[in-house]
Amino acid sequence: MDYAKIITIEPGKMGGKPCIRGLRITVYDVLDYLASGMTEDEILHDFPDLTREDLRACLAFAADRERRLASTSN
């Protein structure tokens, strides 16, 4: 998935953390909600500005970041 158009990083917003489409919702927030057991439907209900594609973009971003970290540690 090409998450580059969905995940944005703006130095003056949310301390430069990766956010979803310039909103004040960070990738970390979404991952934390999923890890705590919230379903996609619950997240989308609580945050109506988000889409399923946004949630998939967060997962793809995290997987890509993990992949890059793993490749630099070898």
N, C-alpha and C. Protein backbone atom coordinates (compact mmCIF):
# COMPACT_ATOMS: atom_id res chain seq x y z
N MET A 1 0.84 -1.18 0.00
CA MET A 1 0.00 0.00 0.00
C MET A 1 0.88 1.24 0.00
N ASP A 2 0.51 2.21 -0.80
CA ASP A 2 1.23 3.48 -0.82
C ASP A 2 0.58 4.42 0.19
N TYR A 3 1.16 4.49 1.37
CA TYR A 3 0.59 5.31 2.44
C TYR A 3 1.06 6.76 2.40
N ALA A 4 1.93 7.11 1.47
CA ALA A 4 2.55 8.44 1.44
C ALA A 4 1.53 9.58 1.32
N LYS A 5 0.40 9.33 0.70
CA LYS A 5 -0.60 10.39 0.58
C LYS A 5 -1.54 10.44 1.78
N ILE A 6 -1.45 9.45 2.65
CA ILE A 6 -2.34 9.39 3.82
C ILE A 6 -1.60 9.78 5.09
N ILE A 7 -0.41 9.24 5.27
CA ILE A 7 0.38 9.53 6.47
C ILE A 7 1.21 10.78 6.22
N THR A 8 0.99 11.79 7.04
CA THR A 8 1.69 13.06 6.87
C THR A 8 2.52 13.38 8.11
N ILE A 9 3.62 14.07 7.88
CA ILE A 9 4.47 14.52 8.98
C ILE A 9 4.70 16.01 8.80
N GLU A 10 4.18 16.78 9.76
CA GLU A 10 4.32 18.23 9.74
C GLU A 10 5.01 18.65 11.02
N PRO A 11 6.16 19.32 10.92
CA PRO A 11 6.93 19.67 12.12
C PRO A 11 6.12 20.42 13.19
N GLY A 12 5.18 21.26 12.79
CA GLY A 12 4.42 22.04 13.77
C GLY A 12 3.16 21.37 14.28
N LYS A 13 2.88 20.17 13.84
CA LYS A 13 1.64 19.50 14.24
C LYS A 13 1.97 18.23 15.01
N MET A 14 1.39 18.11 16.18
CA MET A 14 1.55 16.92 17.03
C MET A 14 3.03 16.58 17.24
N GLY A 15 3.86 17.60 17.36
CA GLY A 15 5.28 17.40 17.64
C GLY A 15 6.02 16.70 16.51
N GLY A 16 5.50 16.79 15.29
CA GLY A 16 6.16 16.18 14.15
C GLY A 16 5.92 14.68 14.02
N LYS A 17 4.98 14.16 14.82
CA LYS A 17 4.68 12.72 14.74
C LYS A 17 3.86 12.45 13.48
N PRO A 18 3.98 11.24 12.93
CA PRO A 18 3.19 10.88 11.75
C PRO A 18 1.69 10.91 12.07
N CYS A 19 0.94 11.65 11.26
CA CYS A 19 -0.50 11.80 11.45
C CYS A 19 -1.23 11.30 10.21
N ILE A 20 -2.53 11.19 10.35
CA ILE A 20 -3.37 10.73 9.26
C ILE A 20 -3.98 11.93 8.54
N ARG A 21 -3.61 12.10 7.28
CA ARG A 21 -4.15 13.15 6.40
C ARG A 21 -4.13 14.53 7.04
N GLY A 22 -3.12 14.83 7.81
CA GLY A 22 -3.01 16.15 8.42
C GLY A 22 -3.93 16.37 9.61
N LEU A 23 -4.68 15.35 9.97
CA LEU A 23 -5.55 15.45 11.16
C LEU A 23 -4.69 15.37 12.41
N ARG A 24 -5.28 15.63 13.54
CA ARG A 24 -4.56 15.53 14.80
C ARG A 24 -4.71 14.13 15.41
N ILE A 25 -4.71 13.14 14.55
CA ILE A 25 -4.77 11.73 14.96
C ILE A 25 -3.48 11.09 14.46
N THR A 26 -2.68 10.58 15.40
CA THR A 26 -1.38 10.03 15.03
C THR A 26 -1.48 8.55 14.68
N VAL A 27 -0.48 8.10 13.94
CA VAL A 27 -0.36 6.68 13.63
C VAL A 27 -0.26 5.90 14.95
N TYR A 28 0.52 6.43 15.88
CA TYR A 28 0.67 5.78 17.19
C TYR A 28 -0.69 5.59 17.86
N ASP A 29 -1.53 6.61 17.83
CA ASP A 29 -2.86 6.51 18.45
C ASP A 29 -3.64 5.34 17.86
N VAL A 30 -3.68 5.25 16.54
CA VAL A 30 -4.44 4.19 15.88
C VAL A 30 -3.87 2.82 16.24
N LEU A 31 -2.54 2.69 16.19
CA LEU A 31 -1.92 1.41 16.54
C LEU A 31 -2.21 1.05 17.99
N ASP A 32 -2.19 2.03 18.87
CA ASP A 32 -2.47 1.79 20.28
C ASP A 32 -3.92 1.34 20.47
N TYR A 33 -4.85 1.96 19.76
CA TYR A 33 -6.25 1.54 19.84
C TYR A 33 -6.41 0.09 19.38
N LEU A 34 -5.79 -0.24 18.27
CA LEU A 34 -5.87 -1.61 17.76
C LEU A 34 -5.24 -2.60 18.73
N ALA A 35 -4.08 -2.23 19.29
CA ALA A 35 -3.39 -3.12 20.24
C ALA A 35 -4.18 -3.31 21.52
N SER A 36 -4.99 -2.31 21.89
CA SER A 36 -5.78 -2.43 23.12
C SER A 36 -7.03 -3.28 22.92
N GLY A 37 -7.28 -3.66 21.65
CA GLY A 37 -8.42 -4.53 21.40
C GLY A 37 -9.59 -3.86 20.71
N MET A 38 -9.48 -2.57 20.43
CA MET A 38 -10.57 -1.92 19.70
C MET A 38 -10.66 -2.50 18.30
N THR A 39 -11.86 -2.65 17.82
CA THR A 39 -12.04 -3.12 16.45
C THR A 39 -11.96 -1.93 15.50
N GLU A 40 -11.80 -2.24 14.23
CA GLU A 40 -11.81 -1.17 13.23
C GLU A 40 -13.13 -0.41 13.29
N ASP A 41 -14.21 -1.13 13.42
CA ASP A 41 -15.53 -0.48 13.48
C ASP A 41 -15.63 0.47 14.67
N GLU A 42 -15.10 0.07 15.82
CA GLU A 42 -15.14 0.94 17.00
C GLU A 42 -14.31 2.21 16.78
N ILE A 43 -13.14 2.05 16.18
CA ILE A 43 -12.29 3.21 15.91
C ILE A 43 -12.99 4.15 14.93
N LEU A 44 -13.55 3.59 13.87
CA LEU A 44 -14.24 4.41 12.88
C LEU A 44 -15.47 5.10 13.46
N HIS A 45 -16.12 4.45 14.40
CA HIS A 45 -17.27 5.07 15.07
C HIS A 45 -16.82 6.24 15.95
N ASP A 46 -15.73 6.03 16.70
CA ASP A 46 -15.23 7.07 17.60
C ASP A 46 -14.56 8.23 16.85
N PHE A 47 -14.03 7.95 15.66
CA PHE A 47 -13.32 8.96 14.87
C PHE A 47 -13.89 8.96 13.45
N PRO A 48 -15.03 9.61 13.26
CA PRO A 48 -15.73 9.55 11.97
C PRO A 48 -14.94 10.15 10.80
N ASP A 49 -13.89 10.91 11.07
CA ASP A 49 -13.07 11.45 9.98
C ASP A 49 -12.15 10.40 9.37
N LEU A 50 -11.98 9.26 10.05
CA LEU A 50 -11.10 8.21 9.57
C LEU A 50 -11.85 7.25 8.65
N THR A 51 -11.06 6.58 7.79
CA THR A 51 -11.60 5.56 6.90
C THR A 51 -10.84 4.26 7.13
N ARG A 52 -11.37 3.19 6.59
CA ARG A 52 -10.66 1.91 6.68
C ARG A 52 -9.30 2.00 5.98
N GLU A 53 -9.24 2.74 4.89
CA GLU A 53 -7.97 2.93 4.19
C GLU A 53 -6.96 3.64 5.10
N ASP A 54 -7.41 4.58 5.91
CA ASP A 54 -6.52 5.25 6.86
C ASP A 54 -5.93 4.24 7.84
N LEU A 55 -6.77 3.34 8.33
CA LEU A 55 -6.29 2.34 9.29
C LEU A 55 -5.28 1.40 8.64
N ARG A 56 -5.54 0.99 7.41
CA ARG A 56 -4.59 0.14 6.69
C ARG A 56 -3.28 0.89 6.43
N ALA A 57 -3.37 2.18 6.16
CA ALA A 57 -2.17 2.98 5.94
C ALA A 57 -1.31 3.03 7.20
N CYS A 58 -1.94 3.11 8.36
CA CYS A 58 -1.19 3.10 9.63
C CYS A 58 -0.44 1.79 9.80
N LEU A 59 -1.10 0.70 9.49
CA LEU A 59 -0.45 -0.61 9.60
C LEU A 59 0.70 -0.73 8.60
N ALA A 60 0.48 -0.27 7.37
CA ALA A 60 1.53 -0.34 6.35
C ALA A 60 2.71 0.54 6.73
N PHE A 61 2.44 1.72 7.27
CA PHE A 61 3.50 2.62 7.71
C PHE A 61 4.32 1.96 8.81
N ALA A 62 3.65 1.37 9.79
CA ALA A 62 4.35 0.72 10.90
C ALA A 62 5.17 -0.47 10.41
N ALA A 63 4.61 -1.25 9.50
CA ALA A 63 5.34 -2.40 8.96
C ALA A 63 6.57 -1.94 8.19
N ASP A 64 6.43 -0.89 7.41
CA ASP A 64 7.56 -0.38 6.64
C ASP A 64 8.65 0.16 7.56
N ARG A 65 8.25 0.87 8.58
CA ARG A 65 9.22 1.42 9.54
C ARG A 65 9.96 0.29 10.26
N GLU A 66 9.23 -0.73 10.65
CA GLU A 66 9.84 -1.89 11.32
C GLU A 66 10.81 -2.61 10.38
N ARG A 67 10.41 -2.74 9.13
CA ARG A 67 11.26 -3.39 8.13
C ARG A 67 12.57 -2.62 7.96
N ARG A 68 12.47 -1.28 7.90
CA ARG A 68 13.68 -0.46 7.75
C ARG A 68 14.56 -0.54 9.00
N LEU A 69 13.97 -0.56 10.18
CA LEU A 69 14.76 -0.68 11.41
C LEU A 69 15.47 -2.00 11.47
N ALA A 70 14.79 -3.07 11.07
CA ALA A 70 15.39 -4.39 11.10
C ALA A 70 16.54 -4.50 10.11
N SER A 71 16.42 -3.86 8.97
CA SER A 71 17.48 -3.95 7.95
C SER A 71 18.71 -3.15 8.35
N THR A 72 18.55 -2.11 9.16
CA THR A 72 19.70 -1.32 9.58
C THR A 72 20.42 -1.94 10.76
N SER A 73 19.76 -2.84 11.47
CA SER A 73 20.39 -3.46 12.64
C SER A 73 21.19 -4.71 12.28
N ASN A 74 21.08 -5.17 11.04
CA ASN A 74 21.81 -6.37 10.60
C ASN A 74 23.16 -6.02 10.05
